Structure formats: structure tokens, C-alpha cells
Amino acid sequence: MKLVKLLFSAFVTTALWSCAASGAAKTATVTRDCTGTYLRVDSKDWLVCNAEILSRHQEGAVVNAKFIKTDQCPEFADKIFCMMYHENEGLIRITELK
């Protein structure tokens, strides 16, 4: 019984810690090509839905950003992109930029 309580406590602690860490700002590099604007975090690119927030930052600029993952980007509805493939981890929306 003690083992079950210990495992449960460890699980809850880990879950809470990981949720708290997800809100932290991450250091990222701004990357752009004809397919869109990306943030590169830990060698992985994330396609930015609200890319206008990065309009002042040049290609290769290093920023600290908070972002959330999303499934949809209404900003892309009427835009035409090139057919080049750019591997990415998914769509994000920047919530804070430092």
C-alpha cells in the first residue's frame, strides 16, 4: 500500500512540475522561408500562426518566447504558400515575446 501511495505521489508531482514548466519562456531562433515563419527550439521548428508578432525580428534573431500548441491557424486561411516541404513539429501561437 505504501508503494502505491509513493508511486501515486511521484506521478502527481511529476505531472504538476511538467505543467508548470510548460509556461516558461523558451529561447528560440527565428527562421523564415516561403512556407512561413518558424521558431526553432532545441533544433526543432514550430510554425508560427501569429507571425506578425515577429515582424521586427530578422532571420536568425534569438528571442525568448512563450507559446502554446494549436491545431488551427485562421491566419493562414487566405494565404498562398509555396509547395516546398519544411519539416516542423506543428503549429504554435506566441503568447509572449521578450
PDB file of N, CA and C in Angstrom:
ATOM      1  N   MET A   1       0.824  -1.197   0.000  1.00  0.00           N
ATOM      2  CA  MET A   1       0.000   0.000   0.000  1.00  0.00           C
ATOM      3  C   MET A   1       0.869   1.262   0.000  1.00  0.00           C
ATOM      4  N   LYS A   2       1.947   1.217   0.795  1.00  0.00           N
ATOM      5  CA  LYS A   2       2.843   2.369   0.833  1.00  0.00           C
ATOM      6  C   LYS A   2       3.486   2.598  -0.535  1.00  0.00           C
ATOM      7  N   LEU A   3       3.792   1.507  -1.222  1.00  0.00           N
ATOM      8  CA  LEU A   3       4.394   1.618  -2.544  1.00  0.00           C
ATOM      9  C   LEU A   3       3.436   2.302  -3.523  1.00  0.00           C
ATOM     10  N   VAL A   4       2.160   1.962  -3.442  1.00  0.00           N
ATOM     11  CA  VAL A   4       1.157   2.568  -4.313  1.00  0.00           C
ATOM     12  C   VAL A   4       1.059   4.069  -4.035  1.00  0.00           C
ATOM     13  N   LYS A   5       1.037   4.436  -2.751  1.00  0.00           N
ATOM     14  CA  LYS A   5       0.965   5.854  -2.384  1.00  0.00           C
ATOM     15  C   LYS A   5       2.210   6.601  -2.859  1.00  0.00           C
ATOM     16  N   LEU A   6       3.359   5.972  -2.708  1.00  0.00           N
ATOM     17  CA  LEU A   6       4.608   6.587  -3.133  1.00  0.00           C
ATOM     18  C   LEU A   6       4.622   6.799  -4.649  1.00  0.00           C
ATOM     19  N   LEU A   7       4.206   5.780  -5.394  1.00  0.00           N
ATOM     20  CA  LEU A   7       4.155   5.898  -6.852  1.00  0.00           C
ATOM     21  C   LEU A   7       3.149   6.962  -7.296  1.00  0.00           C
ATOM     22  N   PHE A   8       1.999   6.988  -6.637  1.00  0.00           N
ATOM     23  CA  PHE A   8       0.984   7.983  -6.968  1.00  0.00           C
ATOM     24  C   PHE A   8       1.507   9.395  -6.690  1.00  0.00           C
ATOM     25  N   SER A   9       2.152   9.577  -5.553  1.00  0.00           N
ATOM     26  CA  SER A   9       2.718  10.884  -5.205  1.00  0.00           C
ATOM     27  C   SER A   9       3.774  11.313  -6.218  1.00  0.00           C
ATOM     28  N   ALA A  10       4.612  10.380  -6.629  1.00  0.00           N
ATOM     29  CA  ALA A  10       5.648  10.687  -7.619  1.00  0.00           C
ATOM     30  C   ALA A  10       5.010  11.088  -8.947  1.00  0.00           C
ATOM     31  N   PHE A  11       3.965  10.381  -9.342  1.00  0.00           N
ATOM     32  CA  PHE A  11       3.265  10.686 -10.587  1.00  0.00           C
ATOM     33  C   PHE A  11       2.643  12.082 -10.543  1.00  0.00           C
ATOM     34  N   VAL A  12       1.948  12.403  -9.467  1.00  0.00           N
ATOM     35  CA  VAL A  12       1.294  13.705  -9.337  1.00  0.00           C
ATOM     36  C   VAL A  12       2.331  14.827  -9.324  1.00  0.00           C
ATOM     37  N   THR A  13       3.407  14.626  -8.594  1.00  0.00           N
ATOM     38  CA  THR A  13       4.468  15.635  -8.533  1.00  0.00           C
ATOM     39  C   THR A  13       5.067  15.879  -9.910  1.00  0.00           C
ATOM     40  N   THR A  14       5.341  14.813 -10.630  1.00  0.00           N
ATOM     41  CA  THR A  14       5.901  14.935 -11.977  1.00  0.00           C
ATOM     42  C   THR A  14       4.929  15.655 -12.907  1.00  0.00           C
ATOM     43  N   ALA A  15       3.656  15.313 -12.833  1.00  0.00           N
ATOM     44  CA  ALA A  15       2.648  15.946 -13.689  1.00  0.00           C
ATOM     45  C   ALA A  15       2.535  17.439 -13.397  1.00  0.00           C
ATOM     46  N   LEU A  16       2.505  17.805 -12.134  1.00  0.00           N
ATOM     47  CA  LEU A  16       2.412  19.214 -11.770  1.00  0.00           C
ATOM     48  C   LEU A  16       3.658  19.978 -12.185  1.00  0.00           C
ATOM     49  N   TRP A  17       4.811  19.368 -12.011  1.00  0.00           N
ATOM     50  CA  TRP A  17       6.063  20.022 -12.372  1.00  0.00           C
ATOM     51  C   TRP A  17       6.128  20.256 -13.878  1.00  0.00           C
ATOM     52  N   SER A  18       5.710  19.280 -14.661  1.00  0.00           N
ATOM     53  CA  SER A  18       5.770  19.435 -16.119  1.00  0.00           C
ATOM     54  C   SER A  18       4.778  20.482 -16.603  1.00  0.00           C
ATOM     55  N   CYS A  19       3.623  20.590 -15.968  1.00  0.00           N
ATOM     56  CA  CYS A  19       2.658  21.620 -16.353  1.00  0.00           C
ATOM     57  C   CYS A  19       3.193  23.003 -16.039  1.00  0.00           C
ATOM     58  N   ALA A  20       3.831  23.150 -14.904  1.00  0.00           N
ATOM     59  CA  ALA A  20       4.392  24.446 -14.529  1.00  0.00           C
ATOM     60  C   ALA A  20       5.510  24.841 -15.480  1.00  0.00           C
ATOM     61  N   ALA A  21       6.304  23.895 -15.910  1.00  0.00           N
ATOM     62  CA  ALA A  21       7.437  24.194 -16.782  1.00  0.00           C
ATOM     63  C   ALA A  21       6.993  24.600 -18.180  1.00  0.00           C
ATOM     64  N   SER A  22       5.822  24.158 -18.620  1.00  0.00           N
ATOM     65  CA  SER A  22       5.384  24.451 -19.979  1.00  0.00           C
ATOM     66  C   SER A  22       5.097  25.931 -20.191  1.00  0.00           C
ATOM     67  N   GLY A  23       4.834  26.681 -19.123  1.00  0.00           N
ATOM     68  CA  GLY A  23       4.562  28.096 -19.243  1.00  0.00           C
ATOM     69  C   GLY A  23       5.808  28.951 -19.289  1.00  0.00           C
ATOM     70  N   ALA A  24       6.968  28.357 -19.126  1.00  0.00           N
ATOM     71  CA  ALA A  24       8.214  29.115 -19.103  1.00  0.00           C
ATOM     72  C   ALA A  24       8.590  29.566 -20.509  1.00  0.00           C
ATOM     73  N   ALA A  25       9.208  30.739 -20.578  1.00  0.00           N
ATOM     74  CA  ALA A  25       9.690  31.236 -21.870  1.00  0.00           C
ATOM     75  C   ALA A  25      10.835  30.360 -22.358  1.00  0.00           C
ATOM     76  N   LYS A  26      10.876  30.142 -23.656  1.00  0.00           N
ATOM     77  CA  LYS A  26      11.925  29.324 -24.257  1.00  0.00           C
ATOM     78  C   LYS A  26      12.761  30.192 -25.193  1.00  0.00           C
ATOM     79  N   THR A  27      14.052  29.923 -25.216  1.00  0.00           N
ATOM     80  CA  THR A  27      14.938  30.613 -26.145  1.00  0.00           C
ATOM     81  C   THR A  27      14.771  29.980 -27.518  1.00  0.00           C
ATOM     82  N   ALA A  28      14.524  30.808 -28.524  1.00  0.00           N
ATOM     83  CA  ALA A  28      14.241  30.301 -29.869  1.00  0.00           C
ATOM     84  C   ALA A  28      14.907  31.187 -30.915  1.00  0.00           C
ATOM     85  N   THR A  29      15.134  30.597 -32.082  1.00  0.00           N
ATOM     86  CA  THR A  29      15.696  31.318 -33.220  1.00  0.00           C
ATOM     87  C   THR A  29      14.615  31.491 -34.279  1.00  0.00           C
ATOM     88  N   VAL A  30      14.484  32.705 -34.795  1.00  0.00           N
ATOM     89  CA  VAL A  30      13.500  32.996 -35.839  1.00  0.00           C
ATOM     90  C   VAL A  30      14.023  32.466 -37.172  1.00  0.00           C
ATOM     91  N   THR A  31      13.188  31.675 -37.843  1.00  0.00           N
ATOM     92  CA  THR A  31      13.534  31.102 -39.141  1.00  0.00           C
ATOM     93  C   THR A  31      12.389  31.389 -40.109  1.00  0.00           C
ATOM     94  N   ARG A  32      12.737  31.808 -41.319  1.00  0.00           N
ATOM     95  CA  ARG A  32      11.712  32.112 -42.326  1.00  0.00           C
ATOM     96  C   ARG A  32      12.080  31.490 -43.668  1.00  0.00           C
ATOM     97  N   ASP A  33      11.057  31.090 -44.398  1.00  0.00           N
ATOM     98  CA  ASP A  33      11.198  30.707 -45.799  1.00  0.00           C
ATOM     99  C   ASP A  33       9.844  30.918 -46.455  1.00  0.00           C
ATOM    100  N   CYS A  34       9.685  30.477 -47.675  1.00  0.00           N
ATOM    101  CA  CYS A  34       8.434  30.733 -48.391  1.00  0.00           C
ATOM    102  C   CYS A  34       7.237  29.978 -47.803  1.00  0.00           C
ATOM    103  N   THR A  35       7.481  29.034 -46.904  1.00  0.00           N
ATOM    104  CA  THR A  35       6.378  28.283 -46.295  1.00  0.00           C
ATOM    105  C   THR A  35       5.848  28.938 -45.034  1.00  0.00           C
ATOM    106  N   GLY A  36       6.587  29.917 -44.482  1.00  0.00           N
ATOM    107  CA  GLY A  36       6.119  30.593 -43.285  1.00  0.00           C
ATOM    108  C   GLY A  36       7.240  31.003 -42.349  1.00  0.00           C
ATOM    109  N   THR A  37       6.846  31.407 -41.155  1.00  0.00           N
ATOM    110  CA  THR A  37       7.779  31.827 -40.109  1.00  0.00           C
ATOM    111  C   THR A  37       7.770  30.776 -39.016  1.00  0.00           C
ATOM    112  N   TYR A  38       8.955  30.422 -38.572  1.00  0.00           N
ATOM    113  CA  TYR A  38       9.121  29.348 -37.596  1.00  0.00           C
ATOM    114  C   TYR A  38       9.940  29.827 -36.406  1.00  0.00           C
ATOM    115  N   LEU A  39       9.719  29.192 -35.260  1.00  0.00           N
ATOM    116  CA  LEU A  39      10.622  29.320 -34.124  1.00  0.00           C
ATOM    117  C   LEU A  39      11.352  27.998 -33.996  1.00  0.00           C
ATOM    118  N   ARG A  40      12.664  28.058 -33.954  1.00  0.00           N
ATOM    119  CA  ARG A  40      13.476  26.852 -33.789  1.00  0.00           C
ATOM    120  C   ARG A  40      13.868  26.749 -32.316  1.00  0.00           C
ATOM    121  N   VAL A  41      13.370  25.688 -31.667  1.00  0.00           N
ATOM    122  CA  VAL A  41      13.647  25.430 -30.255  1.00  0.00           C
ATOM    123  C   VAL A  41      14.246  24.039 -30.154  1.00  0.00           C
ATOM    124  N   ASP A  42      15.422  23.947 -29.573  1.00  0.00           N
ATOM    125  CA  ASP A  42      16.101  22.655 -29.424  1.00  0.00           C
ATOM    126  C   ASP A  42      16.185  21.905 -30.754  1.00  0.00           C
ATOM    127  N   SER A  43      16.581  22.593 -31.797  1.00  0.00           N
ATOM    128  CA  SER A  43      16.765  22.032 -33.146  1.00  0.00           C
ATOM    129  C   SER A  43      15.474  21.534 -33.794  1.00  0.00           C
ATOM    130  N   LYS A  44      14.326  21.978 -33.288  1.00  0.00           N
ATOM    131  CA  LYS A  44      13.038  21.604 -33.874  1.00  0.00           C
ATOM    132  C   LYS A  44      12.286  22.875 -34.242  1.00  0.00           C
ATOM    133  N   ASP A  45      11.720  22.895 -35.444  1.00  0.00           N
ATOM    134  CA  ASP A  45      10.994  24.068 -35.927  1.00  0.00           C
ATOM    135  C   ASP A  45       9.505  23.949 -35.633  1.00  0.00           C
ATOM    136  N   TRP A  46       8.923  25.070 -35.215  1.00  0.00           N
ATOM    137  CA  TRP A  46       7.495  25.180 -34.945  1.00  0.00           C
ATOM    138  C   TRP A  46       6.942  26.302 -35.825  1.00  0.00           C
ATOM    139  N   LEU A  47       5.898  26.015 -36.598  1.00  0.00           N
ATOM    140  CA  LEU A  47       5.289  27.001 -37.491  1.00  0.00           C
ATOM    141  C   LEU A  47       4.433  27.969 -36.670  1.00  0.00           C
ATOM    142  N   VAL A  48       4.711  29.266 -36.811  1.00  0.00           N
ATOM    143  CA  VAL A  48       4.049  30.300 -36.011  1.00  0.00           C
ATOM    144  C   VAL A  48       2.792  30.800 -36.720  1.00  0.00           C
ATOM    145  N   CYS A  49       1.651  30.699 -36.053  1.00  0.00           N
ATOM    146  CA  CYS A  49       0.388  31.191 -36.616  1.00  0.00           C
ATOM    147  C   CYS A  49       0.355  32.720 -36.642  1.00  0.00           C
ATOM    148  N   ASN A  50       0.680  33.336 -35.534  1.00  0.00           N
ATOM    149  CA  ASN A  50       0.630  34.796 -35.429  1.00  0.00           C
ATOM    150  C   ASN A  50       2.018  35.393 -35.688  1.00  0.00           C
ATOM    151  N   ALA A  51       2.524  35.160 -36.885  1.00  0.00           N
ATOM    152  CA  ALA A  51       3.890  35.547 -37.258  1.00  0.00           C
ATOM    153  C   ALA A  51       4.106  37.056 -37.272  1.00  0.00           C
ATOM    154  N   GLU A  52       3.039  37.841 -37.361  1.00  0.00           N
ATOM    155  CA  GLU A  52       3.202  39.296 -37.380  1.00  0.00           C
ATOM    156  C   GLU A  52       3.886  39.804 -36.109  1.00  0.00           C
ATOM    157  N   ILE A  53       3.775  39.061 -35.037  1.00  0.00           N
ATOM    158  CA  ILE A  53       4.429  39.436 -33.781  1.00  0.00           C
ATOM    159  C   ILE A  53       5.954  39.413 -33.915  1.00  0.00           C
ATOM    160  N   LEU A  54       6.449  38.691 -34.914  1.00  0.00           N
ATOM    161  CA  LEU A  54       7.896  38.594 -35.147  1.00  0.00           C
ATOM    162  C   LEU A  54       8.372  39.498 -36.284  1.00  0.00           C
ATOM    163  N   SER A  55       7.528  40.381 -36.775  1.00  0.00           N
ATOM    164  CA  SER A  55       7.870  41.193 -37.952  1.00  0.00           C
ATOM    165  C   SER A  55       9.097  42.083 -37.729  1.00  0.00           C
ATOM    166  N   ARG A  56       9.371  42.488 -36.511  1.00  0.00           N
ATOM    167  CA  ARG A  56      10.537  43.335 -36.220  1.00  0.00           C
ATOM    168  C   ARG A  56      11.825  42.532 -36.118  1.00  0.00           C
ATOM    169  N   HIS A  57      11.728  41.224 -36.032  1.00  0.00           N
ATOM    170  CA  HIS A  57      12.901  40.375 -35.834  1.00  0.00           C
ATOM    171  C   HIS A  57      13.372  39.784 -37.160  1.00  0.00           C
ATOM    172  N   GLN A  58      14.667  39.878 -37.396  1.00  0.00           N
ATOM    173  CA  GLN A  58      15.240  39.364 -38.632  1.00  0.00           C
ATOM    174  C   GLN A  58      15.450  37.856 -38.549  1.00  0.00           C
ATOM    175  N   GLU A  59      15.646  37.254 -39.709  1.00  0.00           N
ATOM    176  CA  GLU A  59      16.016  35.838 -39.817  1.00  0.00           C
ATOM    177  C   GLU A  59      17.249  35.593 -38.949  1.00  0.00           C
ATOM    178  N   GLY A  60      17.196  34.578 -38.121  1.00  0.00           N
ATOM    179  CA  GLY A  60      18.329  34.230 -37.270  1.00  0.00           C
ATOM    180  C   GLY A  60      18.334  34.917 -35.919  1.00  0.00           C
ATOM    181  N   ALA A  61      17.390  35.839 -35.690  1.00  0.00           N
ATOM    182  CA  ALA A  61      17.327  36.526 -34.399  1.00  0.00           C
ATOM    183  C   ALA A  61      16.980  35.530 -33.293  1.00  0.00           C
ATOM    184  N   VAL A  62      17.572  35.734 -32.138  1.00  0.00           N
ATOM    185  CA  VAL A  62      17.286  34.885 -30.981  1.00  0.00           C
ATOM    186  C   VAL A  62      16.313  35.639 -30.084  1.00  0.00           C
ATOM    187  N   VAL A  63      15.206  34.984 -29.736  1.00  0.00           N
ATOM    188  CA  VAL A  63      14.168  35.592 -28.906  1.00  0.00           C
ATOM    189  C   VAL A  63      13.815  34.656 -27.755  1.00  0.00           C
ATOM    190  N   ASN A  64      13.205  35.229 -26.733  1.00  0.00           N
ATOM    191  CA  ASN A  64      12.621  34.434 -25.654  1.00  0.00           C
ATOM    192  C   ASN A  64      11.119  34.525 -25.825  1.00  0.00           C
ATOM    193  N   ALA A  65      10.466  33.384 -25.996  1.00  0.00           N
ATOM    194  CA  ALA A  65       9.040  33.391 -26.299  1.00  0.00           C
ATOM    195  C   ALA A  65       8.295  32.352 -25.480  1.00  0.00           C
ATOM    196  N   LYS A  66       7.074  32.712 -25.123  1.00  0.00           N
ATOM    197  CA  LYS A  66       6.134  31.748 -24.567  1.00  0.00           C
ATOM    198  C   LYS A  66       5.149  31.452 -25.686  1.00  0.00           C
ATOM    199  N   PHE A  67       4.773  30.197 -25.839  1.00  0.00           N
ATOM    200  CA  PHE A  67       3.835  29.846 -26.897  1.00  0.00           C
ATOM    201  C   PHE A  67       3.016  28.637 -26.489  1.00  0.00           C
ATOM    202  N   ILE A  68       1.900  28.468 -27.188  1.00  0.00           N
ATOM    203  CA  ILE A  68       1.041  27.308 -26.977  1.00  0.00           C
ATOM    204  C   ILE A  68       0.891  26.574 -28.303  1.00  0.00           C
ATOM    205  N   LYS A  69       0.731  25.277 -28.217  1.00  0.00           N
ATOM    206  CA  LYS A  69       0.474  24.477 -29.420  1.00  0.00           C
ATOM    207  C   LYS A  69      -0.985  24.660 -29.811  1.00  0.00           C
ATOM    208  N   THR A  70      -1.244  24.595 -31.110  1.00  0.00           N
ATOM    209  CA  THR A  70      -2.608  24.736 -31.600  1.00  0.00           C
ATOM    210  C   THR A  70      -2.821  23.802 -32.789  1.00  0.00           C
ATOM    211  N   ASP A  71      -4.073  23.559 -33.114  1.00  0.00           N
ATOM    212  CA  ASP A  71      -4.409  22.703 -34.254  1.00  0.00           C
ATOM    213  C   ASP A  71      -4.827  23.506 -35.478  1.00  0.00           C
ATOM    214  N   GLN A  72      -5.176  24.783 -35.273  1.00  0.00           N
ATOM    215  CA  GLN A  72      -5.696  25.583 -36.376  1.00  0.00           C
ATOM    216  C   GLN A  72      -5.055  26.961 -36.397  1.00  0.00           C
ATOM    217  N   CYS A  73      -4.895  27.494 -37.595  1.00  0.00           N
ATOM    218  CA  CYS A  73      -4.371  28.850 -37.797  1.00  0.00           C
ATOM    219  C   CYS A  73      -5.302  29.591 -38.745  1.00  0.00           C
ATOM    220  N   PRO A  74      -6.284  30.317 -38.233  1.00  0.00           N
ATOM    221  CA  PRO A  74      -7.165  31.062 -39.126  1.00  0.00           C
ATOM    222  C   PRO A  74      -6.408  32.101 -39.955  1.00  0.00           C
ATOM    223  N   GLU A  75      -5.237  32.519 -39.472  1.00  0.00           N
ATOM    224  CA  GLU A  75      -4.417  33.486 -40.210  1.00  0.00           C
ATOM    225  C   GLU A  75      -3.971  32.938 -41.564  1.00  0.00           C
ATOM    226  N   PHE A  76      -3.925  31.639 -41.719  1.00  0.00           N
ATOM    227  CA  PHE A  76      -3.465  31.022 -42.963  1.00  0.00           C
ATOM    228  C   PHE A  76      -4.591  30.809 -43.975  1.00  0.00           C
ATOM    229  N   ALA A  77      -5.825  31.137 -43.626  1.00  0.00           N
ATOM    230  CA  ALA A  77      -6.989  30.796 -44.452  1.00  0.00           C
ATOM    231  C   ALA A  77      -6.903  31.331 -45.879  1.00  0.00           C
ATOM    232  N   ASP A  78      -6.497  32.573 -46.062  1.00  0.00           N
ATOM    233  CA  ASP A  78      -6.498  33.183 -47.397  1.00  0.00           C
ATOM    234  C   ASP A  78      -5.102  33.395 -47.960  1.00  0.00           C
ATOM    235  N   LYS A  79      -4.115  32.726 -47.411  1.00  0.00           N
ATOM    236  CA  LYS A  79      -2.738  32.923 -47.859  1.00  0.00           C
ATOM    237  C   LYS A  79      -2.288  31.781 -48.755  1.00  0.00           C
ATOM    238  N   ILE A  80      -1.433  32.130 -49.689  1.00  0.00           N
ATOM    239  CA  ILE A  80      -0.856  31.137 -50.589  1.00  0.00           C
ATOM    240  C   ILE A  80       0.602  30.938 -50.190  1.00  0.00           C
ATOM    241  N   PHE A  81       0.992  29.694 -50.039  1.00  0.00           N
ATOM    242  CA  PHE A  81       2.361  29.363 -49.669  1.00  0.00           C
ATOM    243  C   PHE A  81       2.995  28.547 -50.783  1.00  0.00           C
ATOM    244  N   CYS A  82       4.307  28.546 -50.812  1.00  0.00           N
ATOM    245  CA  CYS A  82       4.989  27.733 -51.818  1.00  0.00           C
ATOM    246  C   CYS A  82       4.819  26.249 -51.475  1.00  0.00           C
ATOM    247  N   MET A  83       5.143  25.404 -52.407  1.00  0.00           N
ATOM    248  CA  MET A  83       4.952  23.967 -52.225  1.00  0.00           C
ATOM    249  C   MET A  83       6.183  23.268 -51.639  1.00  0.00           C
ATOM    250  N   MET A  84       7.142  24.037 -51.164  1.00  0.00           N
ATOM    251  CA  MET A  84       8.332  23.449 -50.552  1.00  0.00           C
ATOM    252  C   MET A  84       7.955  22.790 -49.222  1.00  0.00           C
ATOM    253  N   TYR A  85       8.595  21.683 -48.917  1.00  0.00           N
ATOM    254  CA  TYR A  85       8.346  20.994 -47.653  1.00  0.00           C
ATOM    255  C   TYR A  85       9.292  21.539 -46.591  1.00  0.00           C
ATOM    256  N   HIS A  86       8.753  21.929 -45.458  1.00  0.00           N
ATOM    257  CA  HIS A  86       9.559  22.369 -44.323  1.00  0.00           C
ATOM    258  C   HIS A  86       9.134  21.523 -43.128  1.00  0.00           C
ATOM    259  N   GLU A  87       9.986  20.606 -42.740  1.00  0.00           N
ATOM    260  CA  GLU A  87       9.664  19.732 -41.613  1.00  0.00           C
ATOM    261  C   GLU A  87       9.480  20.573 -40.362  1.00  0.00           C
ATOM    262  N   ASN A  88       8.392  20.289 -39.628  1.00  0.00           N
ATOM    263  CA  ASN A  88       8.139  21.020 -38.391  1.00  0.00           C
ATOM    264  C   ASN A  88       7.394  20.143 -37.405  1.00  0.00           C
ATOM    265  N   GLU A  89       7.366  20.602 -36.177  1.00  0.00           N
ATOM    266  CA  GLU A  89       6.747  19.846 -35.088  1.00  0.00           C
ATOM    267  C   GLU A  89       5.268  20.160 -34.920  1.00  0.00           C
ATOM    268  N   GLY A  90       4.795  21.204 -35.593  1.00  0.00           N
ATOM    269  CA  GLY A  90       3.387  21.565 -35.500  1.00  0.00           C
ATOM    270  C   GLY A  90       3.188  23.070 -35.462  1.00  0.00           C
ATOM    271  N   LEU A  91       1.950  23.460 -35.198  1.00  0.00           N
ATOM    272  CA  LEU A  91       1.555  24.861 -35.175  1.00  0.00           C
ATOM    273  C   LEU A  91       1.625  25.411 -33.757  1.00  0.00           C
ATOM    274  N   ILE A  92       2.077  26.661 -33.649  1.00  0.00           N
ATOM    275  CA  ILE A  92       2.094  27.321 -32.345  1.00  0.00           C
ATOM    276  C   ILE A  92       1.554  28.735 -32.477  1.00  0.00           C
ATOM    277  N   ARG A  93       1.114  29.268 -31.352  1.00  0.00           N
ATOM    278  CA  ARG A  93       0.690  30.658 -31.246  1.00  0.00           C
ATOM    279  C   ARG A  93       1.533  31.284 -30.142  1.00  0.00           C
ATOM    280  N   ILE A  94       2.262  32.339 -30.473  1.00  0.00           N
ATOM    281  CA  ILE A  94       3.100  33.014 -29.484  1.00  0.00           C
ATOM    282  C   ILE A  94       2.198  33.818 -28.554  1.00  0.00           C
ATOM    283  N   THR A  95       2.381  33.626 -27.241  1.00  0.00           N
ATOM    284  CA  THR A  95       1.577  34.340 -26.253  1.00  0.00           C
ATOM    285  C   THR A  95       2.346  35.474 -25.596  1.00  0.00           C
ATOM    286  N   GLU A  96       3.671  35.378 -25.618  1.00  0.00           N
ATOM    287  CA  GLU A  96       4.505  36.430 -25.027  1.00  0.00           C
ATOM    288  C   GLU A  96       5.871  36.399 -25.689  1.00  0.00           C
ATOM    289  N   LEU A  97       6.394  37.574 -25.963  1.00  0.00           N
ATOM    290  CA  LEU A  97       7.693  37.676 -26.627  1.00  0.00           C
ATOM    291  C   LEU A  97       8.548  38.676 -25.866  1.00  0.00           C
ATOM    292  N   LYS A  98       9.757  38.251 -25.541  1.00  0.00           N
ATOM    293  CA  LYS A  98      10.676  39.130 -24.795  1.00  0.00           C
ATOM    294  C   LYS A  98      11.873  39.449 -25.648  1.00  0.00           C
TER     295      LYS A  98
END
